[in-house]
Full PDB file with SEQRES, HELIX, SHEET, SSBOND, CRYST1, ORIGX, SCALE, CONECT and MASTER records, all heavy atoms in Angstrom:
SEQRES   1 A   33  SER LEU THR LEU ASP ILE ALA GLY ASN SER GLY LEU TYR          
SEQRES   2 A   33  SER ILE ASN GLY GLU TYR LEU ILE LYS LYS PHE ASN GLY          
SEQRES   3 A   33  TYR THR LEU ASN ALA ARG ALA                                  
HELIX    1 AA1 GLY A    8  SER A   10  5                                   3    
SHEET    1 AA1 3 LEU A   2  ILE A   6  0                                        
SHEET    2 AA1 3 TYR A  13  PHE A  24 -1                                        
SHEET    3 AA1 3 TYR A  27  ARG A  32 -1                                        
CRYST1    1.000    1.000    1.000  90.00  90.00  90.00 P 1           1          
ORIGX1      1.000000  0.000000  0.000000        0.00000                         
ORIGX2      0.000000  1.000000  0.000000        0.00000                         
ORIGX3      0.000000  0.000000  1.000000        0.00000                         
SCALE1      1.000000  0.000000  0.000000        0.00000                         
SCALE2      0.000000  1.000000  0.000000        0.00000                         
SCALE3      0.000000  0.000000  1.000000        0.00000                         
ATOM      1  N   SER A   1    -120.707 -32.549 -90.333  1.00  0.00           N  
ATOM      2  CA  SER A   1    -121.121 -33.050 -91.637  1.00  0.00           C  
ATOM      3  C   SER A   1    -119.921 -33.157 -92.574  1.00  0.00           C  
ATOM      4  O   SER A   1    -118.897 -32.509 -92.369  1.00  0.00           O  
ATOM      5  CB  SER A   1    -122.219 -32.146 -92.229  1.00  0.00           C  
ATOM      6  OG  SER A   1    -121.677 -30.813 -92.421  1.00  0.00           O  
ATOM      7  N   LEU A   2    -120.125 -34.002 -93.571  1.00  0.00           N  
ATOM      8  CA  LEU A   2    -119.137 -34.185 -94.642  1.00  0.00           C  
ATOM      9  C   LEU A   2    -119.821 -33.872 -95.964  1.00  0.00           C  
ATOM     10  O   LEU A   2    -120.940 -34.313 -96.221  1.00  0.00           O  
ATOM     11  CB  LEU A   2    -118.654 -35.643 -94.641  1.00  0.00           C  
ATOM     12  CG  LEU A   2    -117.488 -35.975 -95.617  1.00  0.00           C  
ATOM     13  CD1 LEU A   2    -116.194 -35.262 -95.153  1.00  0.00           C  
ATOM     14  CD2 LEU A   2    -117.228 -37.466 -95.642  1.00  0.00           C  
ATOM     15  N   THR A   3    -119.181 -33.052 -96.831  1.00  0.00           N  
ATOM     16  CA  THR A   3    -119.812 -32.583 -98.035  1.00  0.00           C  
ATOM     17  C   THR A   3    -118.920 -32.772 -99.249  1.00  0.00           C  
ATOM     18  O   THR A   3    -117.694 -32.817 -99.163  1.00  0.00           O  
ATOM     19  CB  THR A   3    -120.184 -31.084 -97.916  1.00  0.00           C  
ATOM     20  OG1 THR A   3    -119.010 -30.319 -97.977  1.00  0.00           O  
ATOM     21  CG2 THR A   3    -120.973 -30.783 -96.639  1.00  0.00           C  
ATOM     22  N   LEU A   4    -119.604 -32.830-100.413  1.00  0.00           N  
ATOM     23  CA  LEU A   4    -118.973 -32.767-101.693  1.00  0.00           C  
ATOM     24  C   LEU A   4    -119.374 -31.471-102.349  1.00  0.00           C  
ATOM     25  O   LEU A   4    -120.572 -31.218-102.549  1.00  0.00           O  
ATOM     26  CB  LEU A   4    -119.360 -33.952-102.567  1.00  0.00           C  
ATOM     27  CG  LEU A   4    -118.921 -33.873-104.043  1.00  0.00           C  
ATOM     28  CD1 LEU A   4    -117.401 -33.937-104.139  1.00  0.00           C  
ATOM     29  CD2 LEU A   4    -119.523 -35.025-104.885  1.00  0.00           C  
ATOM     30  N   ASP A   5    -118.409 -30.639-102.658  1.00  0.00           N  
ATOM     31  CA  ASP A   5    -118.683 -29.333-103.208  1.00  0.00           C  
ATOM     32  C   ASP A   5    -118.265 -29.332-104.683  1.00  0.00           C  
ATOM     33  O   ASP A   5    -117.099 -29.672-105.027  1.00  0.00           O  
ATOM     34  CB  ASP A   5    -117.891 -28.266-102.451  1.00  0.00           C  
ATOM     35  CG  ASP A   5    -118.494 -26.882-102.591  1.00  0.00           C  
ATOM     36  OD1 ASP A   5    -119.706 -26.754-102.751  1.00  0.00           O  
ATOM     37  OD2 ASP A   5    -117.715 -25.890-102.465  1.00  0.00           O  
ATOM     38  N   ILE A   6    -119.158 -28.925-105.584  1.00  0.00           N  
ATOM     39  CA  ILE A   6    -118.876 -28.840-107.022  1.00  0.00           C  
ATOM     40  C   ILE A   6    -118.825 -27.377-107.427  1.00  0.00           C  
ATOM     41  O   ILE A   6    -119.775 -26.660-107.204  1.00  0.00           O  
ATOM     42  CB  ILE A   6    -119.946 -29.584-107.824  1.00  0.00           C  
ATOM     43  CG1 ILE A   6    -120.055 -31.086-107.367  1.00  0.00           C  
ATOM     44  CG2 ILE A   6    -119.582 -29.557-109.303  1.00  0.00           C  
ATOM     45  CD1 ILE A   6    -118.826 -31.882-107.470  1.00  0.00           C  
ATOM     46  N   ALA A   7    -117.702 -27.001-108.060  1.00  0.00           N  
ATOM     47  CA  ALA A   7    -117.448 -25.608-108.427  1.00  0.00           C  
ATOM     48  C   ALA A   7    -117.514 -24.710-107.192  1.00  0.00           C  
ATOM     49  O   ALA A   7    -117.013 -25.090-106.133  1.00  0.00           O  
ATOM     50  CB  ALA A   7    -118.429 -25.160-109.492  1.00  0.00           C  
ATOM     51  N   GLY A   8    -118.148 -23.536-107.265  1.00  0.00           N  
ATOM     52  CA  GLY A   8    -118.273 -22.700-106.071  1.00  0.00           C  
ATOM     53  C   GLY A   8    -116.982 -22.336-105.418  1.00  0.00           C  
ATOM     54  O   GLY A   8    -116.037 -21.860-106.015  1.00  0.00           O  
ATOM     55  N   ASN A   9    -116.951 -22.585-104.084  1.00  0.00           N  
ATOM     56  CA  ASN A   9    -115.773 -22.288-103.256  1.00  0.00           C  
ATOM     57  C   ASN A   9    -114.486 -22.947-103.743  1.00  0.00           C  
ATOM     58  O   ASN A   9    -113.372 -22.476-103.565  1.00  0.00           O  
ATOM     59  CB  ASN A   9    -116.008 -22.637-101.802  1.00  0.00           C  
ATOM     60  CG  ASN A   9    -117.183 -21.914-101.224  1.00  0.00           C  
ATOM     61  OD1 ASN A   9    -117.253 -20.704-101.131  1.00  0.00           O  
ATOM     62  ND2 ASN A   9    -118.195 -22.725-100.828  1.00  0.00           N  
ATOM     63  N   SER A  10    -114.659 -24.182-104.319  1.00  0.00           N  
ATOM     64  CA  SER A  10    -113.530 -25.033-104.577  1.00  0.00           C  
ATOM     65  C   SER A  10    -112.929 -24.837-105.975  1.00  0.00           C  
ATOM     66  O   SER A  10    -111.807 -25.332-106.209  1.00  0.00           O  
ATOM     67  CB  SER A  10    -113.963 -26.491-104.449  1.00  0.00           C  
ATOM     68  OG  SER A  10    -115.019 -26.760-105.332  1.00  0.00           O  
ATOM     69  N   GLY A  11    -113.576 -24.116-106.855  1.00  0.00           N  
ATOM     70  CA  GLY A  11    -113.076 -23.999-108.174  1.00  0.00           C  
ATOM     71  C   GLY A  11    -113.632 -25.138-109.058  1.00  0.00           C  
ATOM     72  O   GLY A  11    -114.411 -24.878-110.028  1.00  0.00           O  
ATOM     73  N   LEU A  12    -113.222 -26.354-108.823  1.00  0.00           N  
ATOM     74  CA  LEU A  12    -113.781 -27.530-109.522  1.00  0.00           C  
ATOM     75  C   LEU A  12    -114.545 -28.443-108.540  1.00  0.00           C  
ATOM     76  O   LEU A  12    -115.692 -28.709-108.761  1.00  0.00           O  
ATOM     77  CB  LEU A  12    -112.644 -28.272-110.215  1.00  0.00           C  
ATOM     78  CG  LEU A  12    -111.949 -27.565-111.370  1.00  0.00           C  
ATOM     79  CD1 LEU A  12    -110.873 -28.430-111.953  1.00  0.00           C  
ATOM     80  CD2 LEU A  12    -112.963 -27.177-112.457  1.00  0.00           C  
ATOM     81  N   TYR A  13    -113.870 -28.906-107.515  1.00  0.00           N  
ATOM     82  CA  TYR A  13    -114.521 -29.753-106.521  1.00  0.00           C  
ATOM     83  C   TYR A  13    -113.671 -29.817-105.270  1.00  0.00           C  
ATOM     84  O   TYR A  13    -112.458 -29.561-105.293  1.00  0.00           O  
ATOM     85  CB  TYR A  13    -114.748 -31.169-107.048  1.00  0.00           C  
ATOM     86  CG  TYR A  13    -113.628 -32.143-106.670  1.00  0.00           C  
ATOM     87  CD1 TYR A  13    -113.753 -32.962-105.536  1.00  0.00           C  
ATOM     88  CD2 TYR A  13    -112.438 -32.174-107.366  1.00  0.00           C  
ATOM     89  CE1 TYR A  13    -112.758 -33.843-105.195  1.00  0.00           C  
ATOM     90  CE2 TYR A  13    -111.407 -33.024-107.024  1.00  0.00           C  
ATOM     91  CZ  TYR A  13    -111.561 -33.870-105.906  1.00  0.00           C  
ATOM     92  OH  TYR A  13    -110.542 -34.688-105.541  1.00  0.00           O  
ATOM     93  N   SER A  14    -114.269 -30.173-104.174  1.00  0.00           N  
ATOM     94  CA  SER A  14    -113.548 -30.451-102.953  1.00  0.00           C  
ATOM     95  C   SER A  14    -114.425 -31.285-102.004  1.00  0.00           C  
ATOM     96  O   SER A  14    -115.660 -31.266-102.085  1.00  0.00           O  
ATOM     97  CB  SER A  14    -113.131 -29.138-102.221  1.00  0.00           C  
ATOM     98  OG  SER A  14    -114.278 -28.417-101.788  1.00  0.00           O  
ATOM     99  N   ILE A  15    -113.770 -32.026-101.147  1.00  0.00           N  
ATOM    100  CA  ILE A  15    -114.403 -32.725-100.088  1.00  0.00           C  
ATOM    101  C   ILE A  15    -114.214 -31.933 -98.787  1.00  0.00           C  
ATOM    102  O   ILE A  15    -113.082 -31.536 -98.497  1.00  0.00           O  
ATOM    103  CB  ILE A  15    -113.864 -34.157 -99.947  1.00  0.00           C  
ATOM    104  CG1 ILE A  15    -114.189 -34.961-101.196  1.00  0.00           C  
ATOM    105  CG2 ILE A  15    -114.462 -34.868 -98.693  1.00  0.00           C  
ATOM    106  CD1 ILE A  15    -113.553 -36.324-101.224  1.00  0.00           C  
ATOM    107  N   ASN A  16    -115.257 -31.645 -98.044  1.00  0.00           N  
ATOM    108  CA  ASN A  16    -115.190 -30.697 -96.942  1.00  0.00           C  
ATOM    109  C   ASN A  16    -115.735 -31.282 -95.640  1.00  0.00           C  
ATOM    110  O   ASN A  16    -116.665 -32.119 -95.651  1.00  0.00           O  
ATOM    111  CB  ASN A  16    -116.006 -29.434 -97.281  1.00  0.00           C  
ATOM    112  CG  ASN A  16    -115.588 -28.837 -98.575  1.00  0.00           C  
ATOM    113  OD1 ASN A  16    -114.722 -27.977 -98.632  1.00  0.00           O  
ATOM    114  ND2 ASN A  16    -116.211 -29.286 -99.698  1.00  0.00           N  
ATOM    115  N   GLY A  17    -115.201 -30.803 -94.549  1.00  0.00           N  
ATOM    116  CA  GLY A  17    -115.806 -31.040 -93.228  1.00  0.00           C  
ATOM    117  C   GLY A  17    -116.422 -29.738 -92.802  1.00  0.00           C  
ATOM    118  O   GLY A  17    -115.880 -28.681 -92.963  1.00  0.00           O  
ATOM    119  N   GLU A  18    -117.670 -29.854 -92.223  1.00  0.00           N  
ATOM    120  CA  GLU A  18    -118.344 -28.672 -91.720  1.00  0.00           C  
ATOM    121  C   GLU A  18    -118.715 -28.881 -90.240  1.00  0.00           C  
ATOM    122  O   GLU A  18    -118.953 -30.002 -89.825  1.00  0.00           O  
ATOM    123  CB  GLU A  18    -119.655 -28.386 -92.506  1.00  0.00           C  
ATOM    124  CG  GLU A  18    -119.410 -27.950 -93.931  1.00  0.00           C  
ATOM    125  CD  GLU A  18    -120.673 -27.464 -94.595  1.00  0.00           C  
ATOM    126  OE1 GLU A  18    -121.728 -27.482 -93.944  1.00  0.00           O  
ATOM    127  OE2 GLU A  18    -120.624 -26.967 -95.716  1.00  0.00           O  
ATOM    128  N   TYR A  19    -118.732 -27.768 -89.506  1.00  0.00           N  
ATOM    129  CA  TYR A  19    -119.090 -27.844 -88.078  1.00  0.00           C  
ATOM    130  C   TYR A  19    -119.992 -26.662 -87.740  1.00  0.00           C  
ATOM    131  O   TYR A  19    -119.658 -25.506 -87.969  1.00  0.00           O  
ATOM    132  CB  TYR A  19    -117.855 -27.807 -87.179  1.00  0.00           C  
ATOM    133  CG  TYR A  19    -118.121 -27.935 -85.732  1.00  0.00           C  
ATOM    134  CD1 TYR A  19    -118.536 -29.172 -85.211  1.00  0.00           C  
ATOM    135  CD2 TYR A  19    -118.017 -26.838 -84.892  1.00  0.00           C  
ATOM    136  CE1 TYR A  19    -118.815 -29.306 -83.866  1.00  0.00           C  
ATOM    137  CE2 TYR A  19    -118.302 -26.971 -83.518  1.00  0.00           C  
ATOM    138  CZ  TYR A  19    -118.704 -28.218 -83.027  1.00  0.00           C  
ATOM    139  OH  TYR A  19    -118.995 -28.350 -81.697  1.00  0.00           O  
ATOM    140  N   LEU A  20    -121.164 -27.013 -87.195  1.00  0.00           N  
ATOM    141  CA  LEU A  20    -122.092 -25.946 -86.748  1.00  0.00           C  
ATOM    142  C   LEU A  20    -121.640 -25.435 -85.376  1.00  0.00           C  
ATOM    143  O   LEU A  20    -121.617 -26.188 -84.449  1.00  0.00           O  
ATOM    144  CB  LEU A  20    -123.520 -26.485 -86.653  1.00  0.00           C  
ATOM    145  CG  LEU A  20    -124.175 -26.931 -87.960  1.00  0.00           C  
ATOM    146  CD1 LEU A  20    -125.598 -27.389 -87.696  1.00  0.00           C  
ATOM    147  CD2 LEU A  20    -124.176 -25.823 -88.977  1.00  0.00           C  
ATOM    148  N   ILE A  21    -121.301 -24.180 -85.324  1.00  0.00           N  
ATOM    149  CA  ILE A  21    -120.730 -23.632 -84.104  1.00  0.00           C  
ATOM    150  C   ILE A  21    -121.801 -23.225 -83.118  1.00  0.00           C  
ATOM    151  O   ILE A  21    -121.687 -23.549 -81.925  1.00  0.00           O  
ATOM    152  CB  ILE A  21    -119.833 -22.380 -84.470  1.00  0.00           C  
ATOM    153  CG1 ILE A  21    -118.690 -22.800 -85.368  1.00  0.00           C  
ATOM    154  CG2 ILE A  21    -119.313 -21.761 -83.159  1.00  0.00           C  
ATOM    155  CD1 ILE A  21    -117.912 -21.649 -85.924  1.00  0.00           C  
ATOM    156  N   LYS A  22    -122.847 -22.534 -83.565  1.00  0.00           N  
ATOM    157  CA  LYS A  22    -123.834 -22.018 -82.656  1.00  0.00           C  
ATOM    158  C   LYS A  22    -125.156 -21.693 -83.325  1.00  0.00           C  
ATOM    159  O   LYS A  22    -125.151 -21.276 -84.508  1.00  0.00           O  
ATOM    160  CB  LYS A  22    -123.307 -20.761 -81.985  1.00  0.00           C  
ATOM    161  CG  LYS A  22    -124.185 -20.228 -80.818  1.00  0.00           C  
ATOM    162  CD  LYS A  22    -123.520 -19.053 -80.150  1.00  0.00           C  
ATOM    163  CE  LYS A  22    -124.364 -18.491 -79.000  1.00  0.00           C  
ATOM    164  NZ  LYS A  22    -124.629 -19.478 -77.960  1.00  0.00           N  
ATOM    165  N   LYS A  23    -126.285 -21.905 -82.619  1.00  0.00           N  
ATOM    166  CA  LYS A  23    -127.578 -21.465 -83.076  1.00  0.00           C  
ATOM    167  C   LYS A  23    -128.087 -20.355 -82.163  1.00  0.00           C  
ATOM    168  O   LYS A  23    -127.927 -20.483 -80.931  1.00  0.00           O  
ATOM    169  CB  LYS A  23    -128.568 -22.607 -83.065  1.00  0.00           C  
ATOM    170  CG  LYS A  23    -128.313 -23.681 -84.089  1.00  0.00           C  
ATOM    171  CD  LYS A  23    -129.351 -24.817 -83.953  1.00  0.00           C  
ATOM    172  CE  LYS A  23    -130.736 -24.373 -84.331  1.00  0.00           C  
ATOM    173  NZ  LYS A  23    -131.709 -25.486 -84.275  1.00  0.00           N  
ATOM    174  N   PHE A  24    -128.626 -19.292 -82.756  1.00  0.00           N  
ATOM    175  CA  PHE A  24    -129.141 -18.228 -81.919  1.00  0.00           C  
ATOM    176  C   PHE A  24    -130.192 -17.374 -82.686  1.00  0.00           C  
ATOM    177  O   PHE A  24    -129.907 -16.913 -83.797  1.00  0.00           O  
ATOM    178  CB  PHE A  24    -127.992 -17.283 -81.450  1.00  0.00           C  
ATOM    179  CG  PHE A  24    -127.124 -16.778 -82.564  1.00  0.00           C  
ATOM    180  CD1 PHE A  24    -127.327 -15.550 -83.120  1.00  0.00           C  
ATOM    181  CD2 PHE A  24    -126.108 -17.551 -83.068  1.00  0.00           C  
ATOM    182  CE1 PHE A  24    -126.546 -15.043 -84.158  1.00  0.00           C  
ATOM    183  CE2 PHE A  24    -125.296 -17.086 -84.122  1.00  0.00           C  
ATOM    184  CZ  PHE A  24    -125.517 -15.830 -84.659  1.00  0.00           C  
ATOM    185  N   ASN A  25    -131.367 -17.260 -82.133  1.00  0.00           N  
ATOM    186  CA  ASN A  25    -132.407 -16.381 -82.668  1.00  0.00           C  
ATOM    187  C   ASN A  25    -132.721 -16.620 -84.148  1.00  0.00           C  
ATOM    188  O   ASN A  25    -132.848 -15.618 -84.909  1.00  0.00           O  
ATOM    189  CB  ASN A  25    -132.085 -14.898 -82.417  1.00  0.00           C  
ATOM    190  CG  ASN A  25    -131.950 -14.581 -80.971  1.00  0.00           C  
ATOM    191  OD1 ASN A  25    -132.648 -15.158 -80.113  1.00  0.00           O  
ATOM    192  ND2 ASN A  25    -131.062 -13.685 -80.588  1.00  0.00           N  
ATOM    193  N   GLY A  26    -132.789 -17.837 -84.584  1.00  0.00           N  
ATOM    194  CA  GLY A  26    -133.086 -18.085 -85.950  1.00  0.00           C  
ATOM    195  C   GLY A  26    -131.847 -18.074 -86.891  1.00  0.00           C  
ATOM    196  O   GLY A  26    -131.977 -18.183 -88.121  1.00  0.00           O  
ATOM    197  N   TYR A  27    -130.658 -17.936 -86.333  1.00  0.00           N  
ATOM    198  CA  TYR A  27    -129.440 -17.926 -87.109  1.00  0.00           C  
ATOM    199  C   TYR A  27    -128.565 -19.139 -86.656  1.00  0.00           C  
ATOM    200  O   TYR A  27    -128.604 -19.552 -85.514  1.00  0.00           O  
ATOM    201  CB  TYR A  27    -128.653 -16.661 -86.866  1.00  0.00           C  
ATOM    202  CG  TYR A  27    -129.359 -15.390 -87.341  1.00  0.00           C  
ATOM    203  CD1 TYR A  27    -130.146 -14.687 -86.407  1.00  0.00           C  
ATOM    204  CD2 TYR A  27    -129.256 -14.954 -88.631  1.00  0.00           C  
ATOM    205  CE1 TYR A  27    -130.811 -13.546 -86.825  1.00  0.00           C  
ATOM    206  CE2 TYR A  27    -129.922 -13.792 -89.054  1.00  0.00           C  
ATOM    207  CZ  TYR A  27    -130.686 -13.078 -88.128  1.00  0.00           C  
ATOM    208  OH  TYR A  27    -131.356 -11.958 -88.482  1.00  0.00           O  
ATOM    209  N   THR A  28    -127.795 -19.653 -87.611  1.00  0.00           N  
ATOM    210  CA  THR A  28    -126.868 -20.740 -87.318  1.00  0.00           C  
ATOM    211  C   THR A  28    -125.509 -20.417 -87.956  1.00  0.00           C  
ATOM    212  O   THR A  28    -125.436 -20.144 -89.137  1.00  0.00           O  
ATOM    213  CB  THR A  28    -127.370 -22.080 -87.920  1.00  0.00           C  
ATOM    214  OG1 THR A  28    -128.698 -22.323 -87.425  1.00  0.00           O  
ATOM    215  CG2 THR A  28    -126.470 -23.220 -87.496  1.00  0.00           C  
ATOM    216  N   LEU A  29    -124.492 -20.464 -87.142  1.00  0.00           N  
ATOM    217  CA  LEU A  29    -123.126 -20.136 -87.571  1.00  0.00           C  
ATOM    218  C   LEU A  29    -122.377 -21.435 -87.871  1.00  0.00           C  
ATOM    219  O   LEU A  29    -122.388 -22.409 -87.052  1.00  0.00           O  
ATOM    220  CB  LEU A  29    -122.385 -19.341 -86.557  1.00  0.00           C  
ATOM    221  CG  LEU A  29    -120.960 -18.845 -86.909  1.00  0.00           C  
ATOM    222  CD1 LEU A  29    -121.012 -17.937 -88.152  1.00  0.00           C  
ATOM    223  CD2 LEU A  29    -120.339 -18.155 -85.749  1.00  0.00           C  
ATOM    224  N   ASN A  30    -121.723 -21.492 -89.063  1.00  0.00           N  
ATOM    225  CA  ASN A  30    -121.095 -22.733 -89.503  1.00  0.00           C  
ATOM    226  C   ASN A  30    -119.679 -22.426 -90.045  1.00  0.00           C  
ATOM    227  O   ASN A  30    -119.432 -21.430 -90.654  1.00  0.00           O  
ATOM    228  CB  ASN A  30    -121.952 -23.333 -90.674  1.00  0.00           C  
ATOM    229  CG  ASN A  30    -121.345 -24.535 -91.314  1.00  0.00           C  
ATOM    230  OD1 ASN A  30    -121.411 -25.599 -90.732  1.00  0.00           O  
ATOM    231  ND2 ASN A  30    -120.799 -24.378 -92.525  1.00  0.00           N  
ATOM    232  N   ALA A  31    -118.751 -23.360 -89.717  1.00  0.00           N  
ATOM    233  CA  ALA A  31    -117.365 -23.223 -90.253  1.00  0.00           C  
ATOM    234  C   ALA A  31    -117.098 -24.444 -91.113  1.00  0.00           C  
ATOM    235  O   ALA A  31    -117.614 -25.530 -90.916  1.00  0.00           O  
ATOM    236  CB  ALA A  31    -116.359 -23.202 -89.056  1.00  0.00           C  
ATOM    237  N   ARG A  32    -116.228 -24.247 -92.101  1.00  0.00           N  
ATOM    238  CA  ARG A  32    -115.937 -25.332 -93.056  1.00  0.00           C  
ATOM    239  C   ARG A  32    -114.481 -25.282 -93.518  1.00  0.00           C  
ATOM    240  O   ARG A  32    -113.849 -24.230 -93.536  1.00  0.00           O  
ATOM    241  CB  ARG A  32    -116.853 -25.227 -94.278  1.00  0.00           C  
ATOM    242  CG  ARG A  32    -116.782 -23.900 -94.960  1.00  0.00           C  
ATOM    243  CD  ARG A  32    -117.687 -23.756 -96.177  1.00  0.00           C  
ATOM    244  NE  ARG A  32    -117.764 -22.432 -96.706  1.00  0.00           N  
ATOM    245  CZ  ARG A  32    -116.800 -21.876 -97.413  1.00  0.00           C  
ATOM    246  NH1 ARG A  32    -115.712 -22.527 -97.744  1.00  0.00           N  
ATOM    247  NH2 ARG A  32    -116.947 -20.578 -97.872  1.00  0.00           N  
ATOM    248  N   ALA A  33    -113.985 -26.432 -93.910  1.00  0.00           N  
ATOM    249  CA  ALA A  33    -112.647 -26.568 -94.484  1.00  0.00           C  
ATOM    250  C   ALA A  33    -112.634 -27.779 -95.421  1.00  0.00           C  
ATOM    251  O   ALA A  33    -113.266 -28.766 -95.153  1.00  0.00           O  
ATOM    252  CB  ALA A  33    -111.588 -26.736 -93.423  1.00  0.00           C  
TER     253      ALA A  33                                                      
MASTER        0    0    0    1    3    0    0    6  252    1    0    3          
END                                                                             
């Protein structure tokens, strides 16, 4: 996925790439940059 982040992690804004690594027992692990 591709995201636009406002405030939060980025301070003001950032464009991010996200990747879902794994799903297991109702949980989903995700990495972002």
